[in-house]
């Protein structure tokens, strides 16, 4: 997998038009060229390569997921655009998908697997087959229960990590 560590401080010079970034696993370098063009209305990225490798596919997938996609929640006959950073958890219950944001529950018209693709992977993680949580909204993880983990949120609510997901959560937390 392509691990790009920006060395902007080392290589970036505002008068230059490119930055060199190194990949640490393959030892190769990637040149990123930045051009300022006043006629360009929207930024665009062009990837030039002699062959499409797994590293290139992973890079394209990663940069295409940078902008979080919009989520719309329904509550009391109205629709509201939900900001991802305000969502604490998303869960499936009674054949409906519910998002909890700012203490309110909103019905979503997406399936959990579709949400996993849309939600920021740096913040959201699945803790069971029916629940995804926002790690930035977690107050603490209670590991005192044998075989499971209790997740306590900043708003005082709590949920539990499924036994099947305990190892994954421990790996993410580095414990």
C-alpha atoms as a PDB file:
ATOM      1  CA  UNK A   1       0.000   0.000   0.000  1.00  0.00           C
ATOM      2  CA  UNK A   2       1.220   3.448  -0.843  1.00  0.00           C
ATOM      3  CA  UNK A   3       2.087   5.381   2.282  1.00  0.00           C
ATOM      4  CA  UNK A   4       2.647   8.986   1.418  1.00  0.00           C
ATOM      5  CA  UNK A   5       4.290  11.094   4.056  1.00  0.00           C
ATOM      6  CA  UNK A   6       4.332  14.687   2.862  1.00  0.00           C
ATOM      7  CA  UNK A   7       7.774  16.175   3.212  1.00  0.00           C
ATOM      8  CA  UNK A   8       6.533  19.622   2.313  1.00  0.00           C
ATOM      9  CA  UNK A   9       8.834  21.424   4.726  1.00  0.00           C
ATOM     10  CA  UNK A  10      11.811  19.685   3.188  1.00  0.00           C
ATOM     11  CA  UNK A  11      10.977  20.091  -0.482  1.00  0.00           C
ATOM     12  CA  UNK A  12       8.302  22.760  -0.848  1.00  0.00           C
ATOM     13  CA  UNK A  13       9.345  26.103  -2.169  1.00  0.00           C
ATOM     14  CA  UNK A  14       6.542  28.498  -3.131  1.00  0.00           C
ATOM     15  CA  UNK A  15       8.453  29.523  -6.255  1.00  0.00           C
ATOM     16  CA  UNK A  16       8.654  25.882  -7.470  1.00  0.00           C
ATOM     17  CA  UNK A  17       5.871  24.037  -9.224  1.00  0.00           C
ATOM     18  CA  UNK A  18       6.400  20.567  -7.737  1.00  0.00           C
ATOM     19  CA  UNK A  19       6.889  18.629  -4.533  1.00  0.00           C
ATOM     20  CA  UNK A  20       8.686  15.303  -4.195  1.00  0.00           C
ATOM     21  CA  UNK A  21       7.080  12.797  -1.835  1.00  0.00           C
ATOM     22  CA  UNK A  22       8.637   9.464  -0.963  1.00  0.00           C
ATOM     23  CA  UNK A  23       6.909   6.130  -0.603  1.00  0.00           C
ATOM     24  CA  UNK A  24       8.427   4.209   2.255  1.00  0.00           C
ATOM     25  CA  UNK A  25       7.490   0.640   1.337  1.00  0.00           C
ATOM     26  CA  UNK A  26       8.734   0.568  -2.252  1.00  0.00           C
ATOM     27  CA  UNK A  27      11.392   3.261  -1.923  1.00  0.00           C
ATOM     28  CA  UNK A  28      10.127   4.959  -5.086  1.00  0.00           C
ATOM     29  CA  UNK A  29       9.410   8.650  -5.335  1.00  0.00           C
ATOM     30  CA  UNK A  30       6.285  10.335  -6.558  1.00  0.00           C
ATOM     31  CA  UNK A  31       6.397  13.750  -8.141  1.00  0.00           C
ATOM     32  CA  UNK A  32       3.410  15.964  -7.560  1.00  0.00           C
ATOM     33  CA  UNK A  33       3.215  18.957  -9.815  1.00  0.00           C
ATOM     34  CA  UNK A  34       1.128  21.929  -8.780  1.00  0.00           C
ATOM     35  CA  UNK A  35       0.335  24.492 -11.433  1.00  0.00           C
ATOM     36  CA  UNK A  36      -1.468  27.761 -10.813  1.00  0.00           C
ATOM     37  CA  UNK A  37      -3.635  28.598 -13.807  1.00  0.00           C
ATOM     38  CA  UNK A  38      -6.039  31.537 -13.567  1.00  0.00           C
ATOM     39  CA  UNK A  39      -8.247  30.062 -16.310  1.00  0.00           C
ATOM     40  CA  UNK A  40      -8.853  26.900 -14.248  1.00  0.00           C
ATOM     41  CA  UNK A  41     -12.255  27.128 -12.545  1.00  0.00           C
ATOM     42  CA  UNK A  42     -11.996  24.003 -10.342  1.00  0.00           C
ATOM     43  CA  UNK A  43      -8.958  22.079  -9.093  1.00  0.00           C
ATOM     44  CA  UNK A  44      -8.215  18.817 -10.893  1.00  0.00           C
ATOM     45  CA  UNK A  45      -5.800  15.963 -10.352  1.00  0.00           C
ATOM     46  CA  UNK A  46      -4.174  14.023 -13.185  1.00  0.00           C
ATOM     47  CA  UNK A  47      -2.309  10.801 -12.409  1.00  0.00           C
ATOM     48  CA  UNK A  48       0.317   9.897 -15.027  1.00  0.00           C
ATOM     49  CA  UNK A  49       1.947   6.479 -14.813  1.00  0.00           C
ATOM     50  CA  UNK A  50       3.432   3.791 -17.050  1.00  0.00           C
ATOM     51  CA  UNK A  51       1.123   1.157 -15.528  1.00  0.00           C
ATOM     52  CA  UNK A  52      -1.785   0.979 -13.109  1.00  0.00           C
ATOM     53  CA  UNK A  53      -0.529  -0.738  -9.975  1.00  0.00           C
ATOM     54  CA  UNK A  54      -2.182  -1.535  -6.671  1.00  0.00           C
ATOM     55  CA  UNK A  55      -0.388   1.495  -5.203  1.00  0.00           C
ATOM     56  CA  UNK A  56      -1.892   3.779  -7.851  1.00  0.00           C
ATOM     57  CA  UNK A  57      -5.365   2.295  -7.319  1.00  0.00           C
ATOM     58  CA  UNK A  58      -5.061   2.821  -3.549  1.00  0.00           C
ATOM     59  CA  UNK A  59      -3.831   6.379  -4.065  1.00  0.00           C
ATOM     60  CA  UNK A  60      -6.737   7.242  -6.389  1.00  0.00           C
ATOM     61  CA  UNK A  61      -9.217   5.625  -4.003  1.00  0.00           C
ATOM     62  CA  UNK A  62      -7.762   7.581  -1.078  1.00  0.00           C
ATOM     63  CA  UNK A  63      -7.847  10.989  -2.749  1.00  0.00           C
ATOM     64  CA  UNK A  64     -11.337  10.393  -4.090  1.00  0.00           C
ATOM     65  CA  UNK A  65     -12.582   9.823  -0.533  1.00  0.00           C
ATOM     66  CA  UNK A  66     -11.202  13.066   0.864  1.00  0.00           C
ATOM     67  CA  UNK A  67     -14.428  15.046   0.607  1.00  0.00           C
ATOM     68  CA  UNK A  68     -17.059  13.552   2.902  1.00  0.00           C
ATOM     69  CA  UNK A  69     -20.363  12.965   1.184  1.00  0.00           C
ATOM     70  CA  UNK A  70     -23.555  14.643   2.323  1.00  0.00           C
ATOM     71  CA  UNK A  71     -25.976  12.784   4.578  1.00  0.00           C
ATOM     72  CA  UNK A  72     -29.652  13.678   4.937  1.00  0.00           C
ATOM     73  CA  UNK A  73     -31.580  12.663   8.035  1.00  0.00           C
ATOM     74  CA  UNK A  74     -35.365  12.689   8.426  1.00  0.00           C
ATOM     75  CA  UNK A  75     -37.150  13.656  11.631  1.00  0.00           C
ATOM     76  CA  UNK A  76     -40.674  14.842  12.414  1.00  0.00           C
ATOM     77  CA  UNK A  77     -41.653  15.214   8.772  1.00  0.00           C
ATOM     78  CA  UNK A  78     -38.600  17.283   7.849  1.00  0.00           C
ATOM     79  CA  UNK A  79     -35.213  16.628   6.321  1.00  0.00           C
ATOM     80  CA  UNK A  80     -31.903  17.924   7.671  1.00  0.00           C
ATOM     81  CA  UNK A  81     -28.383  17.812   6.275  1.00  0.00           C
ATOM     82  CA  UNK A  82     -26.254  16.056   8.887  1.00  0.00           C
ATOM     83  CA  UNK A  83     -22.653  17.105   9.343  1.00  0.00           C
ATOM     84  CA  UNK A  84     -20.487  14.045   9.900  1.00  0.00           C
ATOM     85  CA  UNK A  85     -18.573  15.589  12.799  1.00  0.00           C
ATOM     86  CA  UNK A  86     -21.849  16.003  14.725  1.00  0.00           C
ATOM     87  CA  UNK A  87     -22.895  12.347  14.350  1.00  0.00           C
ATOM     88  CA  UNK A  88     -21.981  10.204  17.355  1.00  0.00           C
ATOM     89  CA  UNK A  89     -23.324   6.881  16.123  1.00  0.00           C
ATOM     90  CA  UNK A  90     -25.328   5.201  13.391  1.00  0.00           C
ATOM     91  CA  UNK A  91     -27.210   1.978  14.015  1.00  0.00           C
ATOM     92  CA  UNK A  92     -29.785  -0.310  12.445  1.00  0.00           C
ATOM     93  CA  UNK A  93     -32.967  -1.056  14.390  1.00  0.00           C
ATOM     94  CA  UNK A  94     -36.333  -2.432  13.247  1.00  0.00           C
ATOM     95  CA  UNK A  95     -35.241  -2.394   9.585  1.00  0.00           C
ATOM     96  CA  UNK A  96     -34.374   1.309   9.783  1.00  0.00           C
ATOM     97  CA  UNK A  97     -31.015   3.053   9.935  1.00  0.00           C
ATOM     98  CA  UNK A  98     -30.804   5.723  12.629  1.00  0.00           C
ATOM     99  CA  UNK A  99     -28.148   8.426  13.066  1.00  0.00           C
ATOM    100  CA  UNK A 100     -27.679  10.148  16.417  1.00  0.00           C
ATOM    101  CA  UNK A 101     -26.490  13.742  16.011  1.00  0.00           C
ATOM    102  CA  UNK A 102     -26.550  16.463  18.668  1.00  0.00           C
ATOM    103  CA  UNK A 103     -28.762  14.304  20.888  1.00  0.00           C
ATOM    104  CA  UNK A 104     -31.447  13.827  18.201  1.00  0.00           C
ATOM    105  CA  UNK A 105     -32.241  10.704  16.218  1.00  0.00           C
ATOM    106  CA  UNK A 106     -32.638  10.910  12.444  1.00  0.00           C
ATOM    107  CA  UNK A 107     -33.827   8.214  10.048  1.00  0.00           C
ATOM    108  CA  UNK A 108     -31.457   7.709   7.111  1.00  0.00           C
ATOM    109  CA  UNK A 109     -32.459   6.303   3.750  1.00  0.00           C
ATOM    110  CA  UNK A 110     -29.194   4.443   3.310  1.00  0.00           C
ATOM    111  CA  UNK A 111     -28.047   1.013   4.385  1.00  0.00           C
ATOM    112  CA  UNK A 112     -25.171   0.638   6.852  1.00  0.00           C
ATOM    113  CA  UNK A 113     -22.774  -0.650   4.195  1.00  0.00           C
ATOM    114  CA  UNK A 114     -23.533   2.448   2.070  1.00  0.00           C
ATOM    115  CA  UNK A 115     -22.855   4.669   5.081  1.00  0.00           C
ATOM    116  CA  UNK A 116     -19.518   2.963   5.737  1.00  0.00           C
ATOM    117  CA  UNK A 117     -18.458   4.038   2.245  1.00  0.00           C
ATOM    118  CA  UNK A 118     -19.597   7.642   2.799  1.00  0.00           C
ATOM    119  CA  UNK A 119     -18.424   8.241   6.365  1.00  0.00           C
ATOM    120  CA  UNK A 120     -14.928   9.505   7.103  1.00  0.00           C
ATOM    121  CA  UNK A 121     -12.832   6.385   7.713  1.00  0.00           C
ATOM    122  CA  UNK A 122     -10.515   8.297  10.055  1.00  0.00           C
ATOM    123  CA  UNK A 123     -13.382   8.941  12.490  1.00  0.00           C
ATOM    124  CA  UNK A 124     -16.024   6.255  11.999  1.00  0.00           C
ATOM    125  CA  UNK A 125     -15.593   2.573  12.773  1.00  0.00           C
ATOM    126  CA  UNK A 126     -17.979  -0.367  12.879  1.00  0.00           C
ATOM    127  CA  UNK A 127     -18.402  -1.944  16.325  1.00  0.00           C
ATOM    128  CA  UNK A 128     -20.940  -4.569  15.257  1.00  0.00           C
ATOM    129  CA  UNK A 129     -22.820  -5.660  12.165  1.00  0.00           C
ATOM    130  CA  UNK A 130     -25.499  -3.111  13.060  1.00  0.00           C
ATOM    131  CA  UNK A 131     -23.604  -0.108  14.462  1.00  0.00           C
ATOM    132  CA  UNK A 132     -20.965   2.437  13.456  1.00  0.00           C
ATOM    133  CA  UNK A 133     -19.528   4.957  15.920  1.00  0.00           C
ATOM    134  CA  UNK A 134     -17.663   8.251  15.627  1.00  0.00           C
ATOM    135  CA  UNK A 135     -14.419   7.855  17.584  1.00  0.00           C
ATOM    136  CA  UNK A 136     -14.217  11.623  18.083  1.00  0.00           C
ATOM    137  CA  UNK A 137     -17.482  11.524  20.078  1.00  0.00           C
ATOM    138  CA  UNK A 138     -16.284   8.767  22.444  1.00  0.00           C
ATOM    139  CA  UNK A 139     -15.509   9.781  26.034  1.00  0.00           C
ATOM    140  CA  UNK A 140     -13.925   6.448  26.982  1.00  0.00           C
ATOM    141  CA  UNK A 141     -13.843   2.704  26.399  1.00  0.00           C
ATOM    142  CA  UNK A 142     -14.631   0.547  29.441  1.00  0.00           C
ATOM    143  CA  UNK A 143     -12.579  -2.630  29.173  1.00  0.00           C
ATOM    144  CA  UNK A 144     -13.560  -3.998  32.594  1.00  0.00           C
ATOM    145  CA  UNK A 145     -16.209  -6.326  31.171  1.00  0.00           C
ATOM    146  CA  UNK A 146     -14.747  -9.670  30.163  1.00  0.00           C
ATOM    147  CA  UNK A 147     -14.934 -10.300  26.423  1.00  0.00           C
ATOM    148  CA  UNK A 148     -16.573  -7.020  25.421  1.00  0.00           C
ATOM    149  CA  UNK A 149     -16.031  -3.274  25.477  1.00  0.00           C
ATOM    150  CA  UNK A 150     -18.488  -0.632  26.653  1.00  0.00           C
ATOM    151  CA  UNK A 151     -18.287   2.582  24.615  1.00  0.00           C
ATOM    152  CA  UNK A 152     -19.276   5.720  26.545  1.00  0.00           C
ATOM    153  CA  UNK A 153     -20.024   8.859  24.548  1.00  0.00           C
ATOM    154  CA  UNK A 154     -19.517  12.496  25.504  1.00  0.00           C
ATOM    155  CA  UNK A 155     -23.309  12.947  25.757  1.00  0.00           C
ATOM    156  CA  UNK A 156     -23.578  10.257  28.467  1.00  0.00           C
ATOM    157  CA  UNK A 157     -24.997   7.470  26.298  1.00  0.00           C
ATOM    158  CA  UNK A 158     -23.313   4.090  25.979  1.00  0.00           C
ATOM    159  CA  UNK A 159     -23.222   1.122  23.626  1.00  0.00           C
ATOM    160  CA  UNK A 160     -21.271  -2.124  23.394  1.00  0.00           C
ATOM    161  CA  UNK A 161     -18.748  -3.537  20.957  1.00  0.00           C
ATOM    162  CA  UNK A 162     -19.783  -6.904  19.554  1.00  0.00           C
ATOM    163  CA  UNK A 163     -17.473  -9.768  20.578  1.00  0.00           C
ATOM    164  CA  UNK A 164     -16.561 -10.273  16.914  1.00  0.00           C
ATOM    165  CA  UNK A 165     -15.328  -6.650  16.693  1.00  0.00           C
ATOM    166  CA  UNK A 166     -13.373  -6.473  19.987  1.00  0.00           C
ATOM    167  CA  UNK A 167     -10.037  -7.419  18.376  1.00  0.00           C
ATOM    168  CA  UNK A 168     -10.562  -4.841  15.598  1.00  0.00           C
ATOM    169  CA  UNK A 169     -11.319  -2.051  18.096  1.00  0.00           C
ATOM    170  CA  UNK A 170      -8.316  -2.987  20.253  1.00  0.00           C
ATOM    171  CA  UNK A 171      -6.116  -2.855  17.158  1.00  0.00           C
ATOM    172  CA  UNK A 172      -7.472   0.584  16.198  1.00  0.00           C
ATOM    173  CA  UNK A 173      -6.879   1.834  19.753  1.00  0.00           C
ATOM    174  CA  UNK A 174      -3.424   0.270  19.863  1.00  0.00           C
ATOM    175  CA  UNK A 175      -4.137  -1.914  22.909  1.00  0.00           C
END
